Structure formats: C-alpha cells, structure tokens
Amino acid sequence: MANIASARKRIRQTAKRTARNTARKSRMRTFIKKVETAVEAGDHGAAREALRLAQPEIQRAATKGVIHHNTVARKISRLSARVKALAPA
C-alpha cells in the first residue's frame, strides 16, 4: 500500500478513471450489440437506426482515449457494411 500522499491520490485517480473507462467501453459494446442484433434479425430500418445511435457513442470512446481511432473506424465501417447489405433492393 502507498504511504506517500501523492501516491495515495494517484491510486484514487486511477480507480476513478478505470471505472469511467470501463463504463464507456461497456456502453459502446451495448450499442454495437444492438446493431448486430438488428442485423441478425434482418430488420434494415432498426439496424440503420441502431447504427445512427451507435456511431457517436463509438466515436466518443476514441475521443476520450478508451479505444484507438483506427479501431473506431474499423468497427463503424464493418457495422455500416453489414447494415448496407440488408438494404431492400
């Protein structure tokens, strides 16, 4: 256990930041799962709406430093490709 005040403070900050980042990542995964569920159900309208809501949430995770920007680009690209493939011809 840390004895120095600054080290104790650093531990508190790390715990707070870890909890915040975990919540952000979990929220992002939930939004992604909603899109994937709609795609698997074959519901184009619901999938588009879910993607529209998920996109800013995923990008926010990158802005806050939870995940890398390229990871965001890849995830959004793959999700939108799957949604686009459902489009009624």
PDB file of N, CA and C in Angstrom:
ATOM      1  N   MET A   1       0.844  -1.188   0.000  1.00  0.00           N
ATOM      2  CA  MET A   1       0.000   0.000   0.000  1.00  0.00           C
ATOM      3  C   MET A   1       0.887   1.247   0.000  1.00  0.00           C
ATOM      4  N   ALA A   2       0.401   2.288  -0.668  1.00  0.00           N
ATOM      5  CA  ALA A   2       1.173   3.517  -0.787  1.00  0.00           C
ATOM      6  C   ALA A   2       1.196   4.282   0.537  1.00  0.00           C
ATOM      7  N   ASN A   3       2.344   4.822   0.878  1.00  0.00           N
ATOM      8  CA  ASN A   3       2.493   5.607   2.105  1.00  0.00           C
ATOM      9  C   ASN A   3       2.517   7.106   1.844  1.00  0.00           C
ATOM     10  N   ILE A   4       2.910   7.476   0.643  1.00  0.00           N
ATOM     11  CA  ILE A   4       3.057   8.889   0.312  1.00  0.00           C
ATOM     12  C   ILE A   4       1.711   9.426  -0.182  1.00  0.00           C
ATOM     13  N   ALA A   5       1.412  10.651   0.214  1.00  0.00           N
ATOM     14  CA  ALA A   5       0.110  11.261  -0.098  1.00  0.00           C
ATOM     15  C   ALA A   5      -0.149  11.319  -1.601  1.00  0.00           C
ATOM     16  N   SER A   6       0.862  11.706  -2.355  1.00  0.00           N
ATOM     17  CA  SER A   6       0.678  11.824  -3.805  1.00  0.00           C
ATOM     18  C   SER A   6       0.414  10.452  -4.438  1.00  0.00           C
ATOM     19  N   ALA A   7       1.023   9.411  -3.888  1.00  0.00           N
ATOM     20  CA  ALA A   7       0.805   8.057  -4.394  1.00  0.00           C
ATOM     21  C   ALA A   7      -0.609   7.592  -4.071  1.00  0.00           C
ATOM     22  N   ARG A   8      -1.102   7.957  -2.864  1.00  0.00           N
ATOM     23  CA  ARG A   8      -2.477   7.603  -2.491  1.00  0.00           C
ATOM     24  C   ARG A   8      -3.470   8.301  -3.408  1.00  0.00           C
ATOM     25  N   LYS A   9      -3.183   9.554  -3.700  1.00  0.00           N
ATOM     26  CA  LYS A   9      -4.045  10.324  -4.596  1.00  0.00           C
ATOM     27  C   LYS A   9      -4.045   9.697  -5.994  1.00  0.00           C
ATOM     28  N   ARG A  10      -2.869   9.296  -6.438  1.00  0.00           N
ATOM     29  CA  ARG A  10      -2.736   8.683  -7.760  1.00  0.00           C
ATOM     30  C   ARG A  10      -3.560   7.392  -7.832  1.00  0.00           C
ATOM     31  N   ILE A  11      -3.570   6.617  -6.763  1.00  0.00           N
ATOM     32  CA  ILE A  11      -4.363   5.380  -6.704  1.00  0.00           C
ATOM     33  C   ILE A  11      -5.848   5.703  -6.824  1.00  0.00           C
ATOM     34  N   ARG A  12      -6.294   6.759  -6.105  1.00  0.00           N
ATOM     35  CA  ARG A  12      -7.706   7.167  -6.177  1.00  0.00           C
ATOM     36  C   ARG A  12      -8.066   7.604  -7.595  1.00  0.00           C
ATOM     37  N   GLN A  13      -7.182   8.392  -8.207  1.00  0.00           N
ATOM     38  CA  GLN A  13      -7.437   8.880  -9.559  1.00  0.00           C
ATOM     39  C   GLN A  13      -7.520   7.722 -10.555  1.00  0.00           C
ATOM     40  N   THR A  14      -6.610   6.773 -10.423  1.00  0.00           N
ATOM     41  CA  THR A  14      -6.580   5.625 -11.324  1.00  0.00           C
ATOM     42  C   THR A  14      -7.849   4.800 -11.193  1.00  0.00           C
ATOM     43  N   ALA A  15      -8.299   4.595  -9.962  1.00  0.00           N
ATOM     44  CA  ALA A  15      -9.518   3.816  -9.731  1.00  0.00           C
ATOM     45  C   ALA A  15     -10.723   4.509 -10.360  1.00  0.00           C
ATOM     46  N   LYS A  16     -10.793   5.820 -10.194  1.00  0.00           N
ATOM     47  CA  LYS A  16     -11.907   6.599 -10.745  1.00  0.00           C
ATOM     48  C   LYS A  16     -11.896   6.538 -12.278  1.00  0.00           C
ATOM     49  N   ARG A  17     -10.700   6.724 -12.844  1.00  0.00           N
ATOM     50  CA  ARG A  17     -10.546   6.718 -14.299  1.00  0.00           C
ATOM     51  C   ARG A  17     -10.853   5.340 -14.877  1.00  0.00           C
ATOM     52  N   THR A  18     -10.405   4.286 -14.196  1.00  0.00           N
ATOM     53  CA  THR A  18     -10.657   2.918 -14.656  1.00  0.00           C
ATOM     54  C   THR A  18     -12.145   2.633 -14.687  1.00  0.00           C
ATOM     55  N   ALA A  19     -12.849   3.049 -13.636  1.00  0.00           N
ATOM     56  CA  ALA A  19     -14.299   2.834 -13.581  1.00  0.00           C
ATOM     57  C   ALA A  19     -15.000   3.582 -14.711  1.00  0.00           C
ATOM     58  N   ARG A  20     -14.570   4.804 -14.966  1.00  0.00           N
ATOM     59  CA  ARG A  20     -15.178   5.612 -16.026  1.00  0.00           C
ATOM     60  C   ARG A  20     -14.938   4.976 -17.393  1.00  0.00           C
ATOM     61  N   ASN A  21     -13.702   4.547 -17.635  1.00  0.00           N
ATOM     62  CA  ASN A  21     -13.359   3.935 -18.920  1.00  0.00           C
ATOM     63  C   ASN A  21     -14.091   2.619 -19.120  1.00  0.00           C
ATOM     64  N   THR A  22     -14.226   1.831 -18.060  1.00  0.00           N
ATOM     65  CA  THR A  22     -14.953   0.562 -18.145  1.00  0.00           C
ATOM     66  C   THR A  22     -16.401   0.813 -18.519  1.00  0.00           C
ATOM     67  N   ALA A  23     -17.005   1.825 -17.905  1.00  0.00           N
ATOM     68  CA  ALA A  23     -18.400   2.169 -18.200  1.00  0.00           C
ATOM     69  C   ALA A  23     -18.545   2.606 -19.648  1.00  0.00           C
ATOM     70  N   ARG A  24     -17.608   3.420 -20.120  1.00  0.00           N
ATOM     71  CA  ARG A  24     -17.668   3.888 -21.523  1.00  0.00           C
ATOM     72  C   ARG A  24     -17.556   2.723 -22.498  1.00  0.00           C
ATOM     73  N   LYS A  25     -16.614   1.839 -22.229  1.00  0.00           N
ATOM     74  CA  LYS A  25     -16.392   0.692 -23.110  1.00  0.00           C
ATOM     75  C   LYS A  25     -17.617  -0.221 -23.116  1.00  0.00           C
ATOM     76  N   SER A  26     -18.201  -0.425 -21.944  1.00  0.00           N
ATOM     77  CA  SER A  26     -19.387  -1.265 -21.817  1.00  0.00           C
ATOM     78  C   SER A  26     -20.555  -0.650 -22.588  1.00  0.00           C
ATOM     79  N   ARG A  27     -20.733   0.652 -22.444  1.00  0.00           N
ATOM     80  CA  ARG A  27     -21.806   1.359 -23.149  1.00  0.00           C
ATOM     81  C   ARG A  27     -21.626   1.234 -24.658  1.00  0.00           C
ATOM     82  N   MET A  28     -20.386   1.383 -25.118  1.00  0.00           N
ATOM     83  CA  MET A  28     -20.090   1.253 -26.539  1.00  0.00           C
ATOM     84  C   MET A  28     -20.442  -0.148 -27.037  1.00  0.00           C
ATOM     85  N   ARG A  29     -20.049  -1.173 -26.262  1.00  0.00           N
ATOM     86  CA  ARG A  29     -20.329  -2.550 -26.646  1.00  0.00           C
ATOM     87  C   ARG A  29     -21.830  -2.822 -26.713  1.00  0.00           C
ATOM     88  N   THR A  30     -22.585  -2.222 -25.799  1.00  0.00           N
ATOM     89  CA  THR A  30     -24.038  -2.385 -25.786  1.00  0.00           C
ATOM     90  C   THR A  30     -24.643  -1.830 -27.073  1.00  0.00           C
ATOM     91  N   PHE A  31     -24.205  -0.647 -27.483  1.00  0.00           N
ATOM     92  CA  PHE A  31     -24.717  -0.041 -28.715  1.00  0.00           C
ATOM     93  C   PHE A  31     -24.352  -0.884 -29.930  1.00  0.00           C
ATOM     94  N   ILE A  32     -23.138  -1.429 -29.948  1.00  0.00           N
ATOM     95  CA  ILE A  32     -22.705  -2.289 -31.056  1.00  0.00           C
ATOM     96  C   ILE A  32     -23.571  -3.541 -31.106  1.00  0.00           C
ATOM     97  N   LYS A  33     -23.838  -4.106 -29.938  1.00  0.00           N
ATOM     98  CA  LYS A  33     -24.644  -5.328 -29.863  1.00  0.00           C
ATOM     99  C   LYS A  33     -26.062  -5.087 -30.384  1.00  0.00           C
ATOM    100  N   LYS A  34     -26.617  -3.891 -30.122  1.00  0.00           N
ATOM    101  CA  LYS A  34     -27.954  -3.553 -30.614  1.00  0.00           C
ATOM    102  C   LYS A  34     -27.979  -3.557 -32.142  1.00  0.00           C
ATOM    103  N   VAL A  35     -26.918  -3.016 -32.749  1.00  0.00           N
ATOM    104  CA  VAL A  35     -26.824  -3.006 -34.213  1.00  0.00           C
ATOM    105  C   VAL A  35     -26.729  -4.436 -34.729  1.00  0.00           C
ATOM    106  N   GLU A  36     -25.853  -5.234 -34.122  1.00  0.00           N
ATOM    107  CA  GLU A  36     -25.658  -6.612 -34.575  1.00  0.00           C
ATOM    108  C   GLU A  36     -26.922  -7.440 -34.419  1.00  0.00           C
ATOM    109  N   THR A  37     -27.667  -7.220 -33.352  1.00  0.00           N
ATOM    110  CA  THR A  37     -28.919  -7.940 -33.134  1.00  0.00           C
ATOM    111  C   THR A  37     -29.930  -7.596 -34.224  1.00  0.00           C
ATOM    112  N   ALA A  38     -30.033  -6.308 -34.560  1.00  0.00           N
ATOM    113  CA  ALA A  38     -30.957  -5.874 -35.613  1.00  0.00           C
ATOM    114  C   ALA A  38     -30.546  -6.442 -36.967  1.00  0.00           C
ATOM    115  N   VAL A  39     -29.236  -6.513 -37.222  1.00  0.00           N
ATOM    116  CA  VAL A  39     -28.745  -7.062 -38.496  1.00  0.00           C
ATOM    117  C   VAL A  39     -29.080  -8.548 -38.579  1.00  0.00           C
ATOM    118  N   GLU A  40     -28.854  -9.272 -37.485  1.00  0.00           N
ATOM    119  CA  GLU A  40     -29.149 -10.712 -37.478  1.00  0.00           C
ATOM    120  C   GLU A  40     -30.634 -10.987 -37.633  1.00  0.00           C
ATOM    121  N   ALA A  41     -31.462 -10.071 -37.111  1.00  0.00           N
ATOM    122  CA  ALA A  41     -32.910 -10.220 -37.250  1.00  0.00           C
ATOM    123  C   ALA A  41     -33.356  -9.889 -38.674  1.00  0.00           C
ATOM    124  N   GLY A  42     -32.494  -9.202 -39.422  1.00  0.00           N
ATOM    125  CA  GLY A  42     -32.810  -8.854 -40.810  1.00  0.00           C
ATOM    126  C   GLY A  42     -33.657  -7.607 -40.929  1.00  0.00           C
ATOM    127  N   ASP A  43     -33.746  -6.825 -39.876  1.00  0.00           N
ATOM    128  CA  ASP A  43     -34.562  -5.608 -39.856  1.00  0.00           C
ATOM    129  C   ASP A  43     -33.707  -4.409 -40.268  1.00  0.00           C
ATOM    130  N   HIS A  44     -33.835  -4.007 -41.532  1.00  0.00           N
ATOM    131  CA  HIS A  44     -32.987  -2.944 -42.065  1.00  0.00           C
ATOM    132  C   HIS A  44     -33.232  -1.609 -41.360  1.00  0.00           C
ATOM    133  N   GLY A  45     -34.491  -1.259 -41.149  1.00  0.00           N
ATOM    134  CA  GLY A  45     -34.836   0.021 -40.511  1.00  0.00           C
ATOM    135  C   GLY A  45     -34.279   0.118 -39.100  1.00  0.00           C
ATOM    136  N   ALA A  46     -34.480  -0.937 -38.328  1.00  0.00           N
ATOM    137  CA  ALA A  46     -33.991  -0.945 -36.946  1.00  0.00           C
ATOM    138  C   ALA A  46     -32.466  -0.931 -36.914  1.00  0.00           C
ATOM    139  N   ALA A  47     -31.839  -1.636 -37.850  1.00  0.00           N
ATOM    140  CA  ALA A  47     -30.380  -1.687 -37.914  1.00  0.00           C
ATOM    141  C   ALA A  47     -29.814  -0.304 -38.236  1.00  0.00           C
ATOM    142  N   ARG A  48     -30.450   0.389 -39.184  1.00  0.00           N
ATOM    143  CA  ARG A  48     -29.993   1.742 -39.539  1.00  0.00           C
ATOM    144  C   ARG A  48     -30.111   2.692 -38.363  1.00  0.00           C
ATOM    145  N   GLU A  49     -31.247   2.604 -37.668  1.00  0.00           N
ATOM    146  CA  GLU A  49     -31.471   3.477 -36.515  1.00  0.00           C
ATOM    147  C   GLU A  49     -30.466   3.166 -35.397  1.00  0.00           C
ATOM    148  N   ALA A  50     -30.237   1.885 -35.162  1.00  0.00           N
ATOM    149  CA  ALA A  50     -29.283   1.475 -34.129  1.00  0.00           C
ATOM    150  C   ALA A  50     -27.881   1.953 -34.482  1.00  0.00           C
ATOM    151  N   LEU A  51     -27.513   1.873 -35.755  1.00  0.00           N
ATOM    152  CA  LEU A  51     -26.191   2.335 -36.198  1.00  0.00           C
ATOM    153  C   LEU A  51     -26.077   3.850 -36.041  1.00  0.00           C
ATOM    154  N   ARG A  52     -27.163   4.547 -36.361  1.00  0.00           N
ATOM    155  CA  ARG A  52     -27.174   6.008 -36.230  1.00  0.00           C
ATOM    156  C   ARG A  52     -26.933   6.429 -34.782  1.00  0.00           C
ATOM    157  N   LEU A  53     -27.472   5.660 -33.835  1.00  0.00           N
ATOM    158  CA  LEU A  53     -27.280   5.954 -32.411  1.00  0.00           C
ATOM    159  C   LEU A  53     -25.915   5.469 -31.907  1.00  0.00           C
ATOM    160  N   ALA A  54     -25.423   4.380 -32.486  1.00  0.00           N
ATOM    161  CA  ALA A  54     -24.169   3.782 -32.021  1.00  0.00           C
ATOM    162  C   ALA A  54     -22.945   4.572 -32.473  1.00  0.00           C
ATOM    163  N   GLN A  55     -23.024   5.145 -33.659  1.00  0.00           N
ATOM    164  CA  GLN A  55     -21.859   5.811 -34.243  1.00  0.00           C
ATOM    165  C   GLN A  55     -21.251   6.884 -33.334  1.00  0.00           C
ATOM    166  N   PRO A  56     -22.024   7.852 -32.842  1.00  0.00           N
ATOM    167  CA  PRO A  56     -21.404   8.863 -31.976  1.00  0.00           C
ATOM    168  C   PRO A  56     -20.877   8.275 -30.666  1.00  0.00           C
ATOM    169  N   GLU A  57     -21.545   7.247 -30.173  1.00  0.00           N
ATOM    170  CA  GLU A  57     -21.114   6.617 -28.923  1.00  0.00           C
ATOM    171  C   GLU A  57     -19.747   5.949 -29.103  1.00  0.00           C
ATOM    172  N   ILE A  58     -19.572   5.277 -30.245  1.00  0.00           N
ATOM    173  CA  ILE A  58     -18.298   4.610 -30.540  1.00  0.00           C
ATOM    174  C   ILE A  58     -17.200   5.658 -30.725  1.00  0.00           C
ATOM    175  N   GLN A  59     -17.520   6.729 -31.449  1.00  0.00           N
ATOM    176  CA  GLN A  59     -16.529   7.778 -31.691  1.00  0.00           C
ATOM    177  C   GLN A  59     -16.151   8.506 -30.406  1.00  0.00           C
ATOM    178  N   ARG A  60     -17.112   8.631 -29.491  1.00  0.00           N
ATOM    179  CA  ARG A  60     -16.833   9.285 -28.213  1.00  0.00           C
ATOM    180  C   ARG A  60     -15.803   8.481 -27.413  1.00  0.00           C
ATOM    181  N   ALA A  61     -15.874   7.156 -27.527  1.00  0.00           N
ATOM    182  CA  ALA A  61     -14.913   6.304 -26.817  1.00  0.00           C
ATOM    183  C   ALA A  61     -13.488   6.609 -27.285  1.00  0.00           C
ATOM    184  N   ALA A  62     -13.332   6.868 -28.583  1.00  0.00           N
ATOM    185  CA  ALA A  62     -11.999   7.191 -29.110  1.00  0.00           C
ATOM    186  C   ALA A  62     -11.573   8.579 -28.657  1.00  0.00           C
ATOM    187  N   THR A  63     -12.506   9.521 -28.659  1.00  0.00           N
ATOM    188  CA  THR A  63     -12.198  10.884 -28.244  1.00  0.00           C
ATOM    189  C   THR A  63     -11.720  10.912 -26.799  1.00  0.00           C
ATOM    190  N   LYS A  64     -12.315  10.065 -25.965  1.00  0.00           N
ATOM    191  CA  LYS A  64     -11.958  10.021 -24.551  1.00  0.00           C
ATOM    192  C   LYS A  64     -10.735   9.132 -24.291  1.00  0.00           C
ATOM    193  N   GLY A  65     -10.205   8.507 -25.336  1.00  0.00           N
ATOM    194  CA  GLY A  65      -8.982   7.730 -25.195  1.00  0.00           C
ATOM    195  C   GLY A  65      -9.196   6.306 -24.710  1.00  0.00           C
ATOM    196  N   VAL A  66     -10.429   5.821 -24.775  1.00  0.00           N
ATOM    197  CA  VAL A  66     -10.706   4.462 -24.315  1.00  0.00           C
ATOM    198  C   VAL A  66     -10.240   3.444 -25.351  1.00  0.00           C
ATOM    199  N   ILE A  67     -10.489   3.750 -26.633  1.00  0.00           N
ATOM    200  CA  ILE A  67     -10.015   2.880 -27.719  1.00  0.00           C
ATOM    201  C   ILE A  67      -9.363   3.742 -28.796  1.00  0.00           C
ATOM    202  N   HIS A  68      -8.630   3.104 -29.681  1.00  0.00           N
ATOM    203  CA  HIS A  68      -7.877   3.802 -30.729  1.00  0.00           C
ATOM    204  C   HIS A  68      -8.806   4.278 -31.844  1.00  0.00           C
ATOM    205  N   HIS A  69      -8.431   5.377 -32.496  1.00  0.00           N
ATOM    206  CA  HIS A  69      -9.245   5.944 -33.577  1.00  0.00           C
ATOM    207  C   HIS A  69      -9.402   4.969 -34.741  1.00  0.00           C
ATOM    208  N   ASN A  70      -8.359   4.224 -35.058  1.00  0.00           N
ATOM    209  CA  ASN A  70      -8.454   3.265 -36.162  1.00  0.00           C
ATOM    210  C   ASN A  70      -9.411   2.125 -35.822  1.00  0.00           C
ATOM    211  N   THR A  71      -9.464   1.752 -34.560  1.00  0.00           N
ATOM    212  CA  THR A  71     -10.399   0.713 -34.127  1.00  0.00           C
ATOM    213  C   THR A  71     -11.827   1.189 -34.346  1.00  0.00           C
ATOM    214  N   VAL A  72     -12.074   2.446 -34.033  1.00  0.00           N
ATOM    215  CA  VAL A  72     -13.395   3.042 -34.239  1.00  0.00           C
ATOM    216  C   VAL A  72     -13.752   3.018 -35.715  1.00  0.00           C
ATOM    217  N   ALA A  73     -12.821   3.445 -36.549  1.00  0.00           N
ATOM    218  CA  ALA A  73     -13.061   3.481 -37.992  1.00  0.00           C
ATOM    219  C   ALA A  73     -13.391   2.085 -38.510  1.00  0.00           C
ATOM    220  N   ARG A  74     -12.645   1.097 -38.047  1.00  0.00           N
ATOM    221  CA  ARG A  74     -12.861  -0.281 -38.491  1.00  0.00           C
ATOM    222  C   ARG A  74     -14.228  -0.793 -38.046  1.00  0.00           C
ATOM    223  N   LYS A  75     -14.573  -0.558 -36.785  1.00  0.00           N
ATOM    224  CA  LYS A  75     -15.846  -1.048 -36.253  1.00  0.00           C
ATOM    225  C   LYS A  75     -17.029  -0.415 -36.977  1.00  0.00           C
ATOM    226  N   ILE A  76     -16.987   0.911 -37.157  1.00  0.00           N
ATOM    227  CA  ILE A  76     -18.080   1.609 -37.822  1.00  0.00           C
ATOM    228  C   ILE A  76     -18.180   1.171 -39.268  1.00  0.00           C
ATOM    229  N   SER A  77     -17.044   1.008 -39.922  1.00  0.00           N
ATOM    230  CA  SER A  77     -17.029   0.583 -41.319  1.00  0.00           C
ATOM    231  C   SER A  77     -17.668  -0.794 -41.480  1.00  0.00           C
ATOM    232  N   ARG A  78     -17.295  -1.726 -40.617  1.00  0.00           N
ATOM    233  CA  ARG A  78     -17.831  -3.086 -40.715  1.00  0.00           C
ATOM    234  C   ARG A  78     -19.309  -3.134 -40.375  1.00  0.00           C
ATOM    235  N   LEU A  79     -19.714  -2.361 -39.367  1.00  0.00           N
ATOM    236  CA  LEU A  79     -21.129  -2.338 -38.999  1.00  0.00           C
ATOM    237  C   LEU A  79     -21.966  -1.731 -40.126  1.00  0.00           C
ATOM    238  N   SER A  80     -21.503  -0.624 -40.699  1.00  0.00           N
ATOM    239  CA  SER A  80     -22.270   0.017 -41.761  1.00  0.00           C
ATOM    240  C   SER A  80     -22.325  -0.842 -43.019  1.00  0.00           C
ATOM    241  N   ALA A  81     -21.273  -1.604 -43.269  1.00  0.00           N
ATOM    242  CA  ALA A  81     -21.279  -2.521 -44.429  1.00  0.00           C
ATOM    243  C   ALA A  81     -22.326  -3.610 -44.224  1.00  0.00           C
ATOM    244  N   ARG A  82     -22.423  -4.115 -42.986  1.00  0.00           N
ATOM    245  CA  ARG A  82     -23.425  -5.155 -42.690  1.00  0.00           C
ATOM    246  C   ARG A  82     -24.834  -4.596 -42.784  1.00  0.00           C
ATOM    247  N   VAL A  83     -25.034  -3.358 -42.330  1.00  0.00           N
ATOM    248  CA  VAL A  83     -26.356  -2.724 -42.399  1.00  0.00           C
ATOM    249  C   VAL A  83     -26.714  -2.460 -43.855  1.00  0.00           C
ATOM    250  N   LYS A  84     -25.733  -1.996 -44.623  1.00  0.00           N
ATOM    251  CA  LYS A  84     -25.961  -1.681 -46.031  1.00  0.00           C
ATOM    252  C   LYS A  84     -26.322  -2.923 -46.829  1.00  0.00           C
ATOM    253  N   ALA A  85     -25.752  -4.065 -46.457  1.00  0.00           N
ATOM    254  CA  ALA A  85     -26.042  -5.317 -47.142  1.00  0.00           C
ATOM    255  C   ALA A  85     -27.488  -5.744 -46.945  1.00  0.00           C
ATOM    256  N   LEU A  86     -28.134  -5.258 -45.884  1.00  0.00           N
ATOM    257  CA  LEU A  86     -29.542  -5.577 -45.628  1.00  0.00           C
ATOM    258  C   LEU A  86     -30.497  -4.757 -46.476  1.00  0.00           C
ATOM    259  N   ALA A  87     -29.982  -3.682 -47.087  1.00  0.00           N
ATOM    260  CA  ALA A  87     -30.835  -2.719 -47.791  1.00  0.00           C
ATOM    261  C   ALA A  87     -31.789  -3.405 -48.744  1.00  0.00           C
ATOM    262  N   PRO A  88     -33.065  -3.023 -48.694  1.00  0.00           N
ATOM    263  CA  PRO A  88     -34.038  -3.613 -49.622  1.00  0.00           C
ATOM    264  C   PRO A  88     -33.708  -3.228 -51.058  1.00  0.00           C
ATOM    265  N   ALA A  89     -33.662  -4.194 -51.928  1.00  0.00           N
ATOM    266  CA  ALA A  89     -33.261  -3.960 -53.315  1.00  0.00           C
ATOM    267  C   ALA A  89     -34.348  -3.306 -54.128  1.00  0.00           C
TER     268      ALA A  89
END
